[in-house]
């Protein structure tokens, strides 16, 4: 099987980056695997990715932010970085039966505020992806309609 030229993991949290780098070292992954501190909503930073990604995965992130302008900036940066034909895998959470319990029992990454997830209809999420320059190809959804995983191609 063909191995990727590089794998870049990115997170805003110094702690997550440190732990990720530790796992990379413990598992003796090749030097082509890296973990970097980065802001997923820095559109210009994403657009400057070098080498340009052939595959980008955004999982469990957009659900945590209510502001569609942030999501559009992130997707737009990825689209500017990626060549036509490159693939994007993204998740969405259109519904969750335990939103209030989660908000009352977990604190978020935003200075200890309640963990309030932003549910988007699948149509809303897909429109953000399309507006950034991607064409949706496929989608999977769990049996309860809580989580989706979608595949799109850069136009």
N, C-alpha and C. Protein backbone atom coordinates (compact mmCIF):
# COMPACT_ATOMS: atom_id res chain seq x y z
N UNK A 1 0.83 -1.19 0.00
CA UNK A 1 0.00 0.00 0.00
C UNK A 1 0.87 1.25 0.00
N UNK A 2 0.38 2.24 -0.69
CA UNK A 2 1.11 3.51 -0.78
C UNK A 2 0.94 4.31 0.51
N UNK A 3 2.04 4.80 1.04
CA UNK A 3 2.03 5.59 2.26
C UNK A 3 1.91 7.07 1.91
N UNK A 4 1.25 7.86 2.77
CA UNK A 4 1.18 9.30 2.49
C UNK A 4 2.56 9.94 2.61
N UNK A 5 2.76 11.00 1.83
CA UNK A 5 4.04 11.73 1.90
C UNK A 5 4.21 12.38 3.26
N UNK A 6 3.10 12.86 3.84
CA UNK A 6 3.16 13.45 5.17
C UNK A 6 1.78 13.39 5.81
N UNK A 7 1.78 13.43 7.13
CA UNK A 7 0.56 13.49 7.93
C UNK A 7 0.76 14.62 8.92
N UNK A 8 -0.13 15.62 8.87
CA UNK A 8 -0.03 16.76 9.79
C UNK A 8 -1.26 16.79 10.67
N UNK A 9 -1.04 16.66 11.96
CA UNK A 9 -2.10 16.81 12.93
C UNK A 9 -1.96 18.21 13.50
N UNK A 10 -3.11 18.87 13.75
CA UNK A 10 -3.06 20.26 14.22
C UNK A 10 -4.09 20.45 15.32
N UNK A 11 -3.72 21.24 16.34
CA UNK A 11 -4.63 21.54 17.43
C UNK A 11 -4.23 22.88 18.04
N UNK A 12 -5.18 23.57 18.63
CA UNK A 12 -4.90 24.87 19.25
C UNK A 12 -4.28 24.73 20.63
N UNK A 13 -4.44 23.57 21.26
CA UNK A 13 -4.03 23.35 22.64
C UNK A 13 -2.59 22.85 22.74
N UNK A 14 -1.77 23.60 23.49
CA UNK A 14 -0.39 23.15 23.70
C UNK A 14 -0.35 21.76 24.33
N UNK A 15 -1.26 21.51 25.28
CA UNK A 15 -1.30 20.21 25.94
C UNK A 15 -1.60 19.10 24.94
N UNK A 16 -2.60 19.31 24.09
CA UNK A 16 -2.94 18.29 23.09
C UNK A 16 -1.78 18.04 22.13
N UNK A 17 -1.11 19.11 21.71
CA UNK A 17 0.03 18.97 20.80
C UNK A 17 1.15 18.18 21.49
N UNK A 18 1.41 18.52 22.74
CA UNK A 18 2.46 17.82 23.49
C UNK A 18 2.14 16.33 23.63
N UNK A 19 0.91 16.02 23.99
CA UNK A 19 0.52 14.61 24.13
C UNK A 19 0.53 13.89 22.79
N UNK A 20 0.11 14.58 21.74
CA UNK A 20 0.13 13.99 20.41
C UNK A 20 1.54 13.68 19.95
N UNK A 21 2.45 14.61 20.20
CA UNK A 21 3.85 14.38 19.82
C UNK A 21 4.43 13.21 20.60
N UNK A 22 4.03 13.10 21.86
CA UNK A 22 4.50 11.98 22.68
C UNK A 22 4.02 10.65 22.10
N UNK A 23 2.76 10.60 21.68
CA UNK A 23 2.23 9.37 21.07
C UNK A 23 2.95 9.04 19.76
N UNK A 24 3.23 10.06 18.97
CA UNK A 24 3.97 9.85 17.72
C UNK A 24 5.32 9.21 18.02
N UNK A 25 6.02 9.74 19.03
CA UNK A 25 7.33 9.20 19.40
C UNK A 25 7.22 7.79 19.96
N UNK A 26 6.25 7.57 20.85
CA UNK A 26 6.07 6.24 21.45
C UNK A 26 5.78 5.18 20.40
N UNK A 27 5.05 5.55 19.39
CA UNK A 27 4.69 4.60 18.35
C UNK A 27 5.71 4.54 17.23
N UNK A 28 6.78 5.32 17.39
CA UNK A 28 7.88 5.35 16.42
C UNK A 28 7.39 5.58 14.99
N UNK A 29 6.49 6.55 14.86
CA UNK A 29 5.99 6.88 13.54
C UNK A 29 7.07 7.63 12.78
N UNK A 30 7.04 7.59 11.47
CA UNK A 30 8.10 8.23 10.68
C UNK A 30 8.10 9.76 10.87
N UNK A 31 9.21 10.37 10.52
CA UNK A 31 9.37 11.82 10.64
C UNK A 31 8.35 12.58 9.80
N UNK A 32 7.73 11.93 8.85
CA UNK A 32 6.72 12.58 8.02
C UNK A 32 5.40 12.81 8.75
N UNK A 33 5.28 12.28 9.98
CA UNK A 33 4.09 12.49 10.81
C UNK A 33 4.44 13.57 11.84
N UNK A 34 3.64 14.64 11.85
CA UNK A 34 3.92 15.74 12.77
C UNK A 34 2.64 16.22 13.44
N UNK A 35 2.82 16.89 14.57
CA UNK A 35 1.71 17.50 15.30
C UNK A 35 2.11 18.93 15.58
N UNK A 36 1.28 19.87 15.14
CA UNK A 36 1.62 21.29 15.24
C UNK A 36 0.52 22.05 15.95
N UNK A 37 0.90 23.10 16.65
CA UNK A 37 -0.09 24.00 17.24
C UNK A 37 -0.57 24.92 16.12
N UNK A 38 -1.89 25.03 15.98
CA UNK A 38 -2.44 25.85 14.91
C UNK A 38 -3.88 26.21 15.24
N UNK A 39 -4.36 27.25 14.61
CA UNK A 39 -5.72 27.73 14.77
C UNK A 39 -6.54 27.30 13.55
N UNK A 40 -7.52 26.46 13.76
CA UNK A 40 -8.34 25.94 12.67
C UNK A 40 -9.19 27.01 12.00
N UNK A 41 -9.27 28.18 12.61
CA UNK A 41 -10.09 29.26 12.04
C UNK A 41 -9.25 30.37 11.44
N UNK A 42 -7.96 30.12 11.31
CA UNK A 42 -7.05 31.06 10.65
C UNK A 42 -7.03 30.70 9.16
N UNK A 43 -7.92 31.32 8.41
CA UNK A 43 -8.05 30.99 7.00
C UNK A 43 -6.77 31.19 6.22
N UNK A 44 -6.05 32.28 6.48
CA UNK A 44 -4.80 32.54 5.76
C UNK A 44 -3.73 31.51 6.13
N UNK A 45 -3.69 31.12 7.40
CA UNK A 45 -2.74 30.09 7.83
C UNK A 45 -3.02 28.76 7.16
N UNK A 46 -4.30 28.41 7.06
CA UNK A 46 -4.65 27.17 6.37
C UNK A 46 -4.32 27.25 4.89
N UNK A 47 -4.61 28.38 4.28
CA UNK A 47 -4.34 28.55 2.85
C UNK A 47 -2.86 28.42 2.52
N UNK A 48 -2.00 28.71 3.50
CA UNK A 48 -0.55 28.67 3.29
C UNK A 48 0.05 27.29 3.55
N UNK A 49 -0.77 26.28 3.84
CA UNK A 49 -0.23 24.94 4.12
C UNK A 49 0.66 24.48 2.97
N UNK A 50 1.84 24.02 3.32
CA UNK A 50 2.80 23.58 2.32
C UNK A 50 3.52 22.34 2.84
N UNK A 51 3.40 21.22 2.17
CA UNK A 51 2.69 21.02 0.92
C UNK A 51 1.18 21.07 1.13
N UNK A 52 0.48 21.36 0.05
CA UNK A 52 -0.97 21.42 0.08
C UNK A 52 -1.53 20.04 0.40
N UNK A 53 -2.53 19.95 1.26
CA UNK A 53 -3.08 18.63 1.58
C UNK A 53 -3.90 18.05 0.44
N UNK A 54 -3.78 16.75 0.26
CA UNK A 54 -4.64 16.02 -0.68
C UNK A 54 -5.92 15.58 0.02
N UNK A 55 -5.84 15.49 1.36
CA UNK A 55 -6.96 15.06 2.18
C UNK A 55 -6.93 15.88 3.46
N UNK A 56 -8.05 16.51 3.79
CA UNK A 56 -8.19 17.22 5.06
C UNK A 56 -9.36 16.60 5.81
N UNK A 57 -9.18 16.42 7.11
CA UNK A 57 -10.23 15.86 7.95
C UNK A 57 -10.51 16.85 9.08
N UNK A 58 -11.76 17.28 9.17
CA UNK A 58 -12.20 18.16 10.24
C UNK A 58 -13.30 17.40 10.98
N UNK A 59 -12.96 16.89 12.15
CA UNK A 59 -13.87 16.02 12.87
C UNK A 59 -14.11 16.53 14.29
N UNK A 60 -15.37 16.70 14.63
CA UNK A 60 -15.73 17.09 15.99
C UNK A 60 -15.34 18.51 16.35
N UNK A 61 -15.13 19.36 15.39
CA UNK A 61 -14.70 20.73 15.67
C UNK A 61 -15.81 21.75 15.40
N UNK A 62 -16.34 21.75 14.23
CA UNK A 62 -17.31 22.78 13.85
C UNK A 62 -18.55 22.73 14.75
N UNK A 63 -18.85 21.57 15.31
CA UNK A 63 -19.99 21.41 16.19
C UNK A 63 -19.86 22.23 17.48
N UNK A 64 -18.64 22.64 17.79
CA UNK A 64 -18.38 23.35 19.04
C UNK A 64 -18.49 24.85 18.91
N UNK A 65 -18.72 25.36 17.71
CA UNK A 65 -18.73 26.80 17.48
C UNK A 65 -20.01 27.22 16.78
N UNK A 66 -20.68 28.23 17.34
CA UNK A 66 -21.96 28.67 16.82
C UNK A 66 -21.82 29.56 15.58
N UNK A 67 -20.73 30.28 15.46
CA UNK A 67 -20.57 31.32 14.44
C UNK A 67 -20.22 30.71 13.08
N UNK A 68 -21.14 30.81 12.13
CA UNK A 68 -20.88 30.27 10.80
C UNK A 68 -19.75 30.99 10.09
N UNK A 69 -19.47 32.24 10.46
CA UNK A 69 -18.35 32.96 9.84
C UNK A 69 -17.03 32.27 10.16
N UNK A 70 -16.89 31.74 11.37
CA UNK A 70 -15.68 30.98 11.72
C UNK A 70 -15.55 29.74 10.85
N UNK A 71 -16.66 29.03 10.69
CA UNK A 71 -16.64 27.80 9.90
C UNK A 71 -16.31 28.13 8.45
N UNK A 72 -16.92 29.19 7.93
CA UNK A 72 -16.66 29.59 6.54
C UNK A 72 -15.19 29.98 6.36
N UNK A 73 -14.62 30.67 7.35
CA UNK A 73 -13.20 31.05 7.26
C UNK A 73 -12.31 29.81 7.24
N UNK A 74 -12.62 28.84 8.08
CA UNK A 74 -11.84 27.61 8.12
C UNK A 74 -11.95 26.84 6.81
N UNK A 75 -13.17 26.62 6.35
CA UNK A 75 -13.37 25.89 5.10
C UNK A 75 -12.76 26.64 3.92
N UNK A 76 -12.89 27.96 3.92
CA UNK A 76 -12.31 28.75 2.84
C UNK A 76 -10.80 28.65 2.80
N UNK A 77 -10.16 28.65 3.97
CA UNK A 77 -8.71 28.49 4.03
C UNK A 77 -8.28 27.13 3.50
N UNK A 78 -9.01 26.09 3.90
CA UNK A 78 -8.69 24.76 3.38
C UNK A 78 -8.86 24.72 1.87
N UNK A 79 -9.95 25.29 1.38
CA UNK A 79 -10.19 25.27 -0.07
C UNK A 79 -9.08 25.99 -0.82
N UNK A 80 -8.59 27.11 -0.28
CA UNK A 80 -7.51 27.84 -0.95
C UNK A 80 -6.22 27.04 -0.95
N UNK A 81 -6.03 26.20 0.06
CA UNK A 81 -4.80 25.39 0.15
C UNK A 81 -4.84 24.19 -0.78
N UNK A 82 -6.01 23.64 -0.99
CA UNK A 82 -6.15 22.35 -1.66
C UNK A 82 -6.30 22.50 -3.17
N UNK A 83 -5.72 21.56 -3.87
CA UNK A 83 -5.83 21.51 -5.33
C UNK A 83 -7.18 20.89 -5.71
N UNK A 84 -7.70 21.22 -6.89
CA UNK A 84 -8.92 20.57 -7.36
C UNK A 84 -8.77 19.05 -7.30
N UNK A 85 -9.82 18.39 -6.85
CA UNK A 85 -9.80 16.94 -6.73
C UNK A 85 -9.41 16.45 -5.35
N UNK A 86 -8.82 17.31 -4.54
CA UNK A 86 -8.47 16.93 -3.17
C UNK A 86 -9.74 16.68 -2.37
N UNK A 87 -9.62 15.90 -1.31
CA UNK A 87 -10.80 15.47 -0.57
C UNK A 87 -10.87 16.09 0.82
N UNK A 88 -12.09 16.33 1.26
CA UNK A 88 -12.39 16.84 2.60
C UNK A 88 -13.36 15.87 3.26
N UNK A 89 -13.02 15.45 4.46
CA UNK A 89 -13.93 14.67 5.29
C UNK A 89 -14.33 15.57 6.45
N UNK A 90 -15.62 15.72 6.67
CA UNK A 90 -16.10 16.59 7.74
C UNK A 90 -17.26 15.93 8.48
N UNK A 91 -17.38 16.29 9.75
CA UNK A 91 -18.45 15.74 10.58
C UNK A 91 -19.48 16.82 10.87
N UNK A 92 -20.63 16.37 11.30
CA UNK A 92 -21.70 17.27 11.71
C UNK A 92 -22.52 16.55 12.77
N UNK A 93 -23.21 17.33 13.56
CA UNK A 93 -24.07 16.78 14.59
C UNK A 93 -25.41 17.50 14.52
N UNK A 94 -26.31 17.00 13.64
CA UNK A 94 -27.58 17.69 13.47
C UNK A 94 -28.53 17.58 14.65
N UNK A 95 -28.32 16.61 15.52
CA UNK A 95 -29.23 16.39 16.63
C UNK A 95 -28.47 15.67 17.74
N UNK A 96 -28.83 15.93 18.98
CA UNK A 96 -28.26 15.18 20.10
C UNK A 96 -29.27 15.14 21.23
N UNK A 97 -29.56 13.98 21.76
CA UNK A 97 -30.60 13.86 22.79
C UNK A 97 -30.16 14.36 24.17
N UNK A 98 -28.88 14.61 24.37
CA UNK A 98 -28.39 14.96 25.71
C UNK A 98 -27.67 16.31 25.73
N UNK A 99 -28.11 17.27 24.92
CA UNK A 99 -27.45 18.57 24.86
C UNK A 99 -27.41 19.26 26.22
N UNK A 100 -28.52 19.28 26.91
CA UNK A 100 -28.57 19.99 28.19
C UNK A 100 -27.69 19.31 29.22
N UNK A 101 -27.72 17.99 29.29
CA UNK A 101 -26.87 17.26 30.24
C UNK A 101 -25.39 17.54 29.96
N UNK A 102 -25.00 17.55 28.71
CA UNK A 102 -23.61 17.83 28.35
C UNK A 102 -23.25 19.26 28.74
N UNK A 103 -24.11 20.20 28.44
CA UNK A 103 -23.83 21.61 28.75
C UNK A 103 -23.71 21.84 30.25
N UNK A 104 -24.47 21.11 31.04
CA UNK A 104 -24.45 21.31 32.50
C UNK A 104 -23.32 20.55 33.19
N UNK A 105 -22.80 19.50 32.54
CA UNK A 105 -21.80 18.67 33.23
C UNK A 105 -20.39 18.81 32.70
N UNK A 106 -20.21 19.32 31.50
CA UNK A 106 -18.87 19.47 30.93
C UNK A 106 -18.55 20.94 30.74
N UNK A 107 -17.28 21.28 30.91
CA UNK A 107 -16.85 22.63 30.56
C UNK A 107 -16.12 22.56 29.24
N UNK A 108 -16.17 23.63 28.51
CA UNK A 108 -15.62 23.64 27.17
C UNK A 108 -14.18 24.14 27.17
N UNK A 109 -13.64 24.23 25.98
CA UNK A 109 -12.31 24.75 25.72
C UNK A 109 -12.30 26.28 25.80
N UNK A 110 -13.45 26.91 26.01
CA UNK A 110 -13.57 28.37 26.01
C UNK A 110 -13.61 28.91 27.43
N UNK A 111 -12.53 28.77 28.16
CA UNK A 111 -12.41 29.37 29.48
C UNK A 111 -13.40 28.86 30.50
N UNK A 112 -13.75 27.59 30.44
CA UNK A 112 -14.62 27.00 31.44
C UNK A 112 -16.09 27.25 31.23
N UNK A 113 -16.46 27.85 30.11
CA UNK A 113 -17.88 28.06 29.82
C UNK A 113 -18.56 26.71 29.60
N UNK A 114 -19.88 26.71 29.71
CA UNK A 114 -20.63 25.47 29.47
C UNK A 114 -20.36 24.96 28.05
N UNK A 115 -20.38 23.66 27.91
CA UNK A 115 -20.12 23.01 26.63
C UNK A 115 -21.44 22.94 25.86
N UNK A 116 -21.73 23.97 25.10
CA UNK A 116 -22.97 24.03 24.34
C UNK A 116 -22.63 23.78 22.87
N UNK A 117 -23.08 22.65 22.39
CA UNK A 117 -22.80 22.29 21.00
C UNK A 117 -23.74 23.05 20.06
N UNK A 118 -23.26 23.36 18.88
CA UNK A 118 -24.05 24.05 17.86
C UNK A 118 -24.54 23.00 16.87
N UNK A 119 -25.79 22.68 16.97
CA UNK A 119 -26.37 21.75 16.01
C UNK A 119 -26.66 22.51 14.72
N UNK A 120 -26.27 21.94 13.62
CA UNK A 120 -26.60 22.47 12.29
C UNK A 120 -27.35 21.39 11.53
N UNK A 121 -28.36 21.80 10.78
CA UNK A 121 -28.96 20.81 9.90
C UNK A 121 -27.88 20.37 8.92
N UNK A 122 -28.05 19.20 8.36
CA UNK A 122 -27.05 18.74 7.40
C UNK A 122 -27.02 19.68 6.20
N UNK A 123 -28.18 20.19 5.82
CA UNK A 123 -28.24 21.13 4.70
C UNK A 123 -27.43 22.39 4.97
N UNK A 124 -27.51 22.91 6.20
CA UNK A 124 -26.73 24.10 6.55
C UNK A 124 -25.24 23.82 6.46
N UNK A 125 -24.81 22.70 7.03
CA UNK A 125 -23.39 22.35 7.00
C UNK A 125 -22.91 22.14 5.57
N UNK A 126 -23.70 21.44 4.77
CA UNK A 126 -23.33 21.19 3.38
C UNK A 126 -23.25 22.49 2.57
N UNK A 127 -24.12 23.45 2.88
CA UNK A 127 -24.07 24.74 2.18
C UNK A 127 -22.78 25.48 2.50
N UNK A 128 -22.32 25.41 3.74
CA UNK A 128 -21.05 26.04 4.11
C UNK A 128 -19.89 25.40 3.33
N UNK A 129 -19.92 24.08 3.23
CA UNK A 129 -18.89 23.35 2.50
C UNK A 129 -18.93 23.71 1.01
N UNK A 130 -20.12 23.75 0.45
CA UNK A 130 -20.27 24.08 -0.98
C UNK A 130 -19.82 25.52 -1.26
N UNK A 131 -20.20 26.44 -0.39
CA UNK A 131 -19.83 27.85 -0.59
C UNK A 131 -18.31 28.05 -0.57
N UNK A 132 -17.61 27.16 0.13
CA UNK A 132 -16.14 27.25 0.19
C UNK A 132 -15.47 26.69 -1.05
N UNK A 133 -16.21 25.97 -1.90
CA UNK A 133 -15.62 25.45 -3.13
C UNK A 133 -15.47 23.95 -3.18
N UNK A 134 -16.32 23.24 -2.43
CA UNK A 134 -16.28 21.78 -2.41
C UNK A 134 -17.61 21.23 -2.94
N UNK A 135 -17.55 20.02 -3.48
CA UNK A 135 -18.73 19.30 -3.93
C UNK A 135 -18.89 18.07 -3.06
N UNK A 136 -20.04 17.96 -2.40
CA UNK A 136 -20.30 16.80 -1.54
C UNK A 136 -20.47 15.56 -2.39
N UNK A 137 -19.79 14.49 -1.98
CA UNK A 137 -19.84 13.22 -2.71
C UNK A 137 -20.65 12.15 -1.99
N UNK A 138 -20.55 12.12 -0.66
CA UNK A 138 -21.16 11.01 0.07
C UNK A 138 -21.33 11.41 1.53
N UNK A 139 -22.17 10.64 2.22
CA UNK A 139 -22.42 10.90 3.63
C UNK A 139 -22.81 9.60 4.32
N UNK A 140 -22.41 9.48 5.56
CA UNK A 140 -22.85 8.39 6.43
C UNK A 140 -23.45 9.02 7.67
N UNK A 141 -24.46 8.35 8.24
CA UNK A 141 -25.11 8.83 9.45
C UNK A 141 -25.39 7.63 10.35
N UNK A 142 -25.26 7.84 11.65
CA UNK A 142 -25.52 6.74 12.58
C UNK A 142 -27.02 6.48 12.65
N UNK A 143 -27.40 5.37 13.25
CA UNK A 143 -28.79 4.93 13.24
C UNK A 143 -29.72 5.85 14.00
N UNK A 144 -29.19 6.71 14.88
CA UNK A 144 -30.03 7.62 15.66
C UNK A 144 -30.12 9.02 15.05
N UNK A 145 -29.33 9.28 14.00
CA UNK A 145 -29.35 10.59 13.37
C UNK A 145 -28.60 11.66 14.13
N UNK A 146 -27.64 11.23 14.97
CA UNK A 146 -26.90 12.18 15.81
C UNK A 146 -25.65 12.67 15.10
N UNK A 147 -24.87 11.78 14.52
CA UNK A 147 -23.57 12.12 13.93
C UNK A 147 -23.55 11.81 12.44
N UNK A 148 -22.96 12.70 11.67
CA UNK A 148 -22.75 12.43 10.25
C UNK A 148 -21.27 12.58 9.93
N UNK A 149 -20.84 11.85 8.93
CA UNK A 149 -19.51 11.97 8.35
C UNK A 149 -19.71 12.10 6.86
N UNK A 150 -19.18 13.18 6.29
CA UNK A 150 -19.39 13.46 4.87
C UNK A 150 -18.06 13.58 4.14
N UNK A 151 -18.11 13.31 2.85
CA UNK A 151 -16.96 13.38 1.97
C UNK A 151 -17.26 14.39 0.87
N UNK A 152 -16.32 15.30 0.65
CA UNK A 152 -16.46 16.30 -0.41
C UNK A 152 -15.16 16.40 -1.19
N UNK A 153 -15.28 16.87 -2.43
CA UNK A 153 -14.12 17.03 -3.30
C UNK A 153 -13.95 18.52 -3.64
N UNK A 154 -12.72 18.98 -3.62
CA UNK A 154 -12.41 20.38 -3.98
C UNK A 154 -12.65 20.53 -5.46
N UNK A 155 -13.46 21.51 -5.83
CA UNK A 155 -13.75 21.78 -7.24
C UNK A 155 -12.61 22.50 -7.92
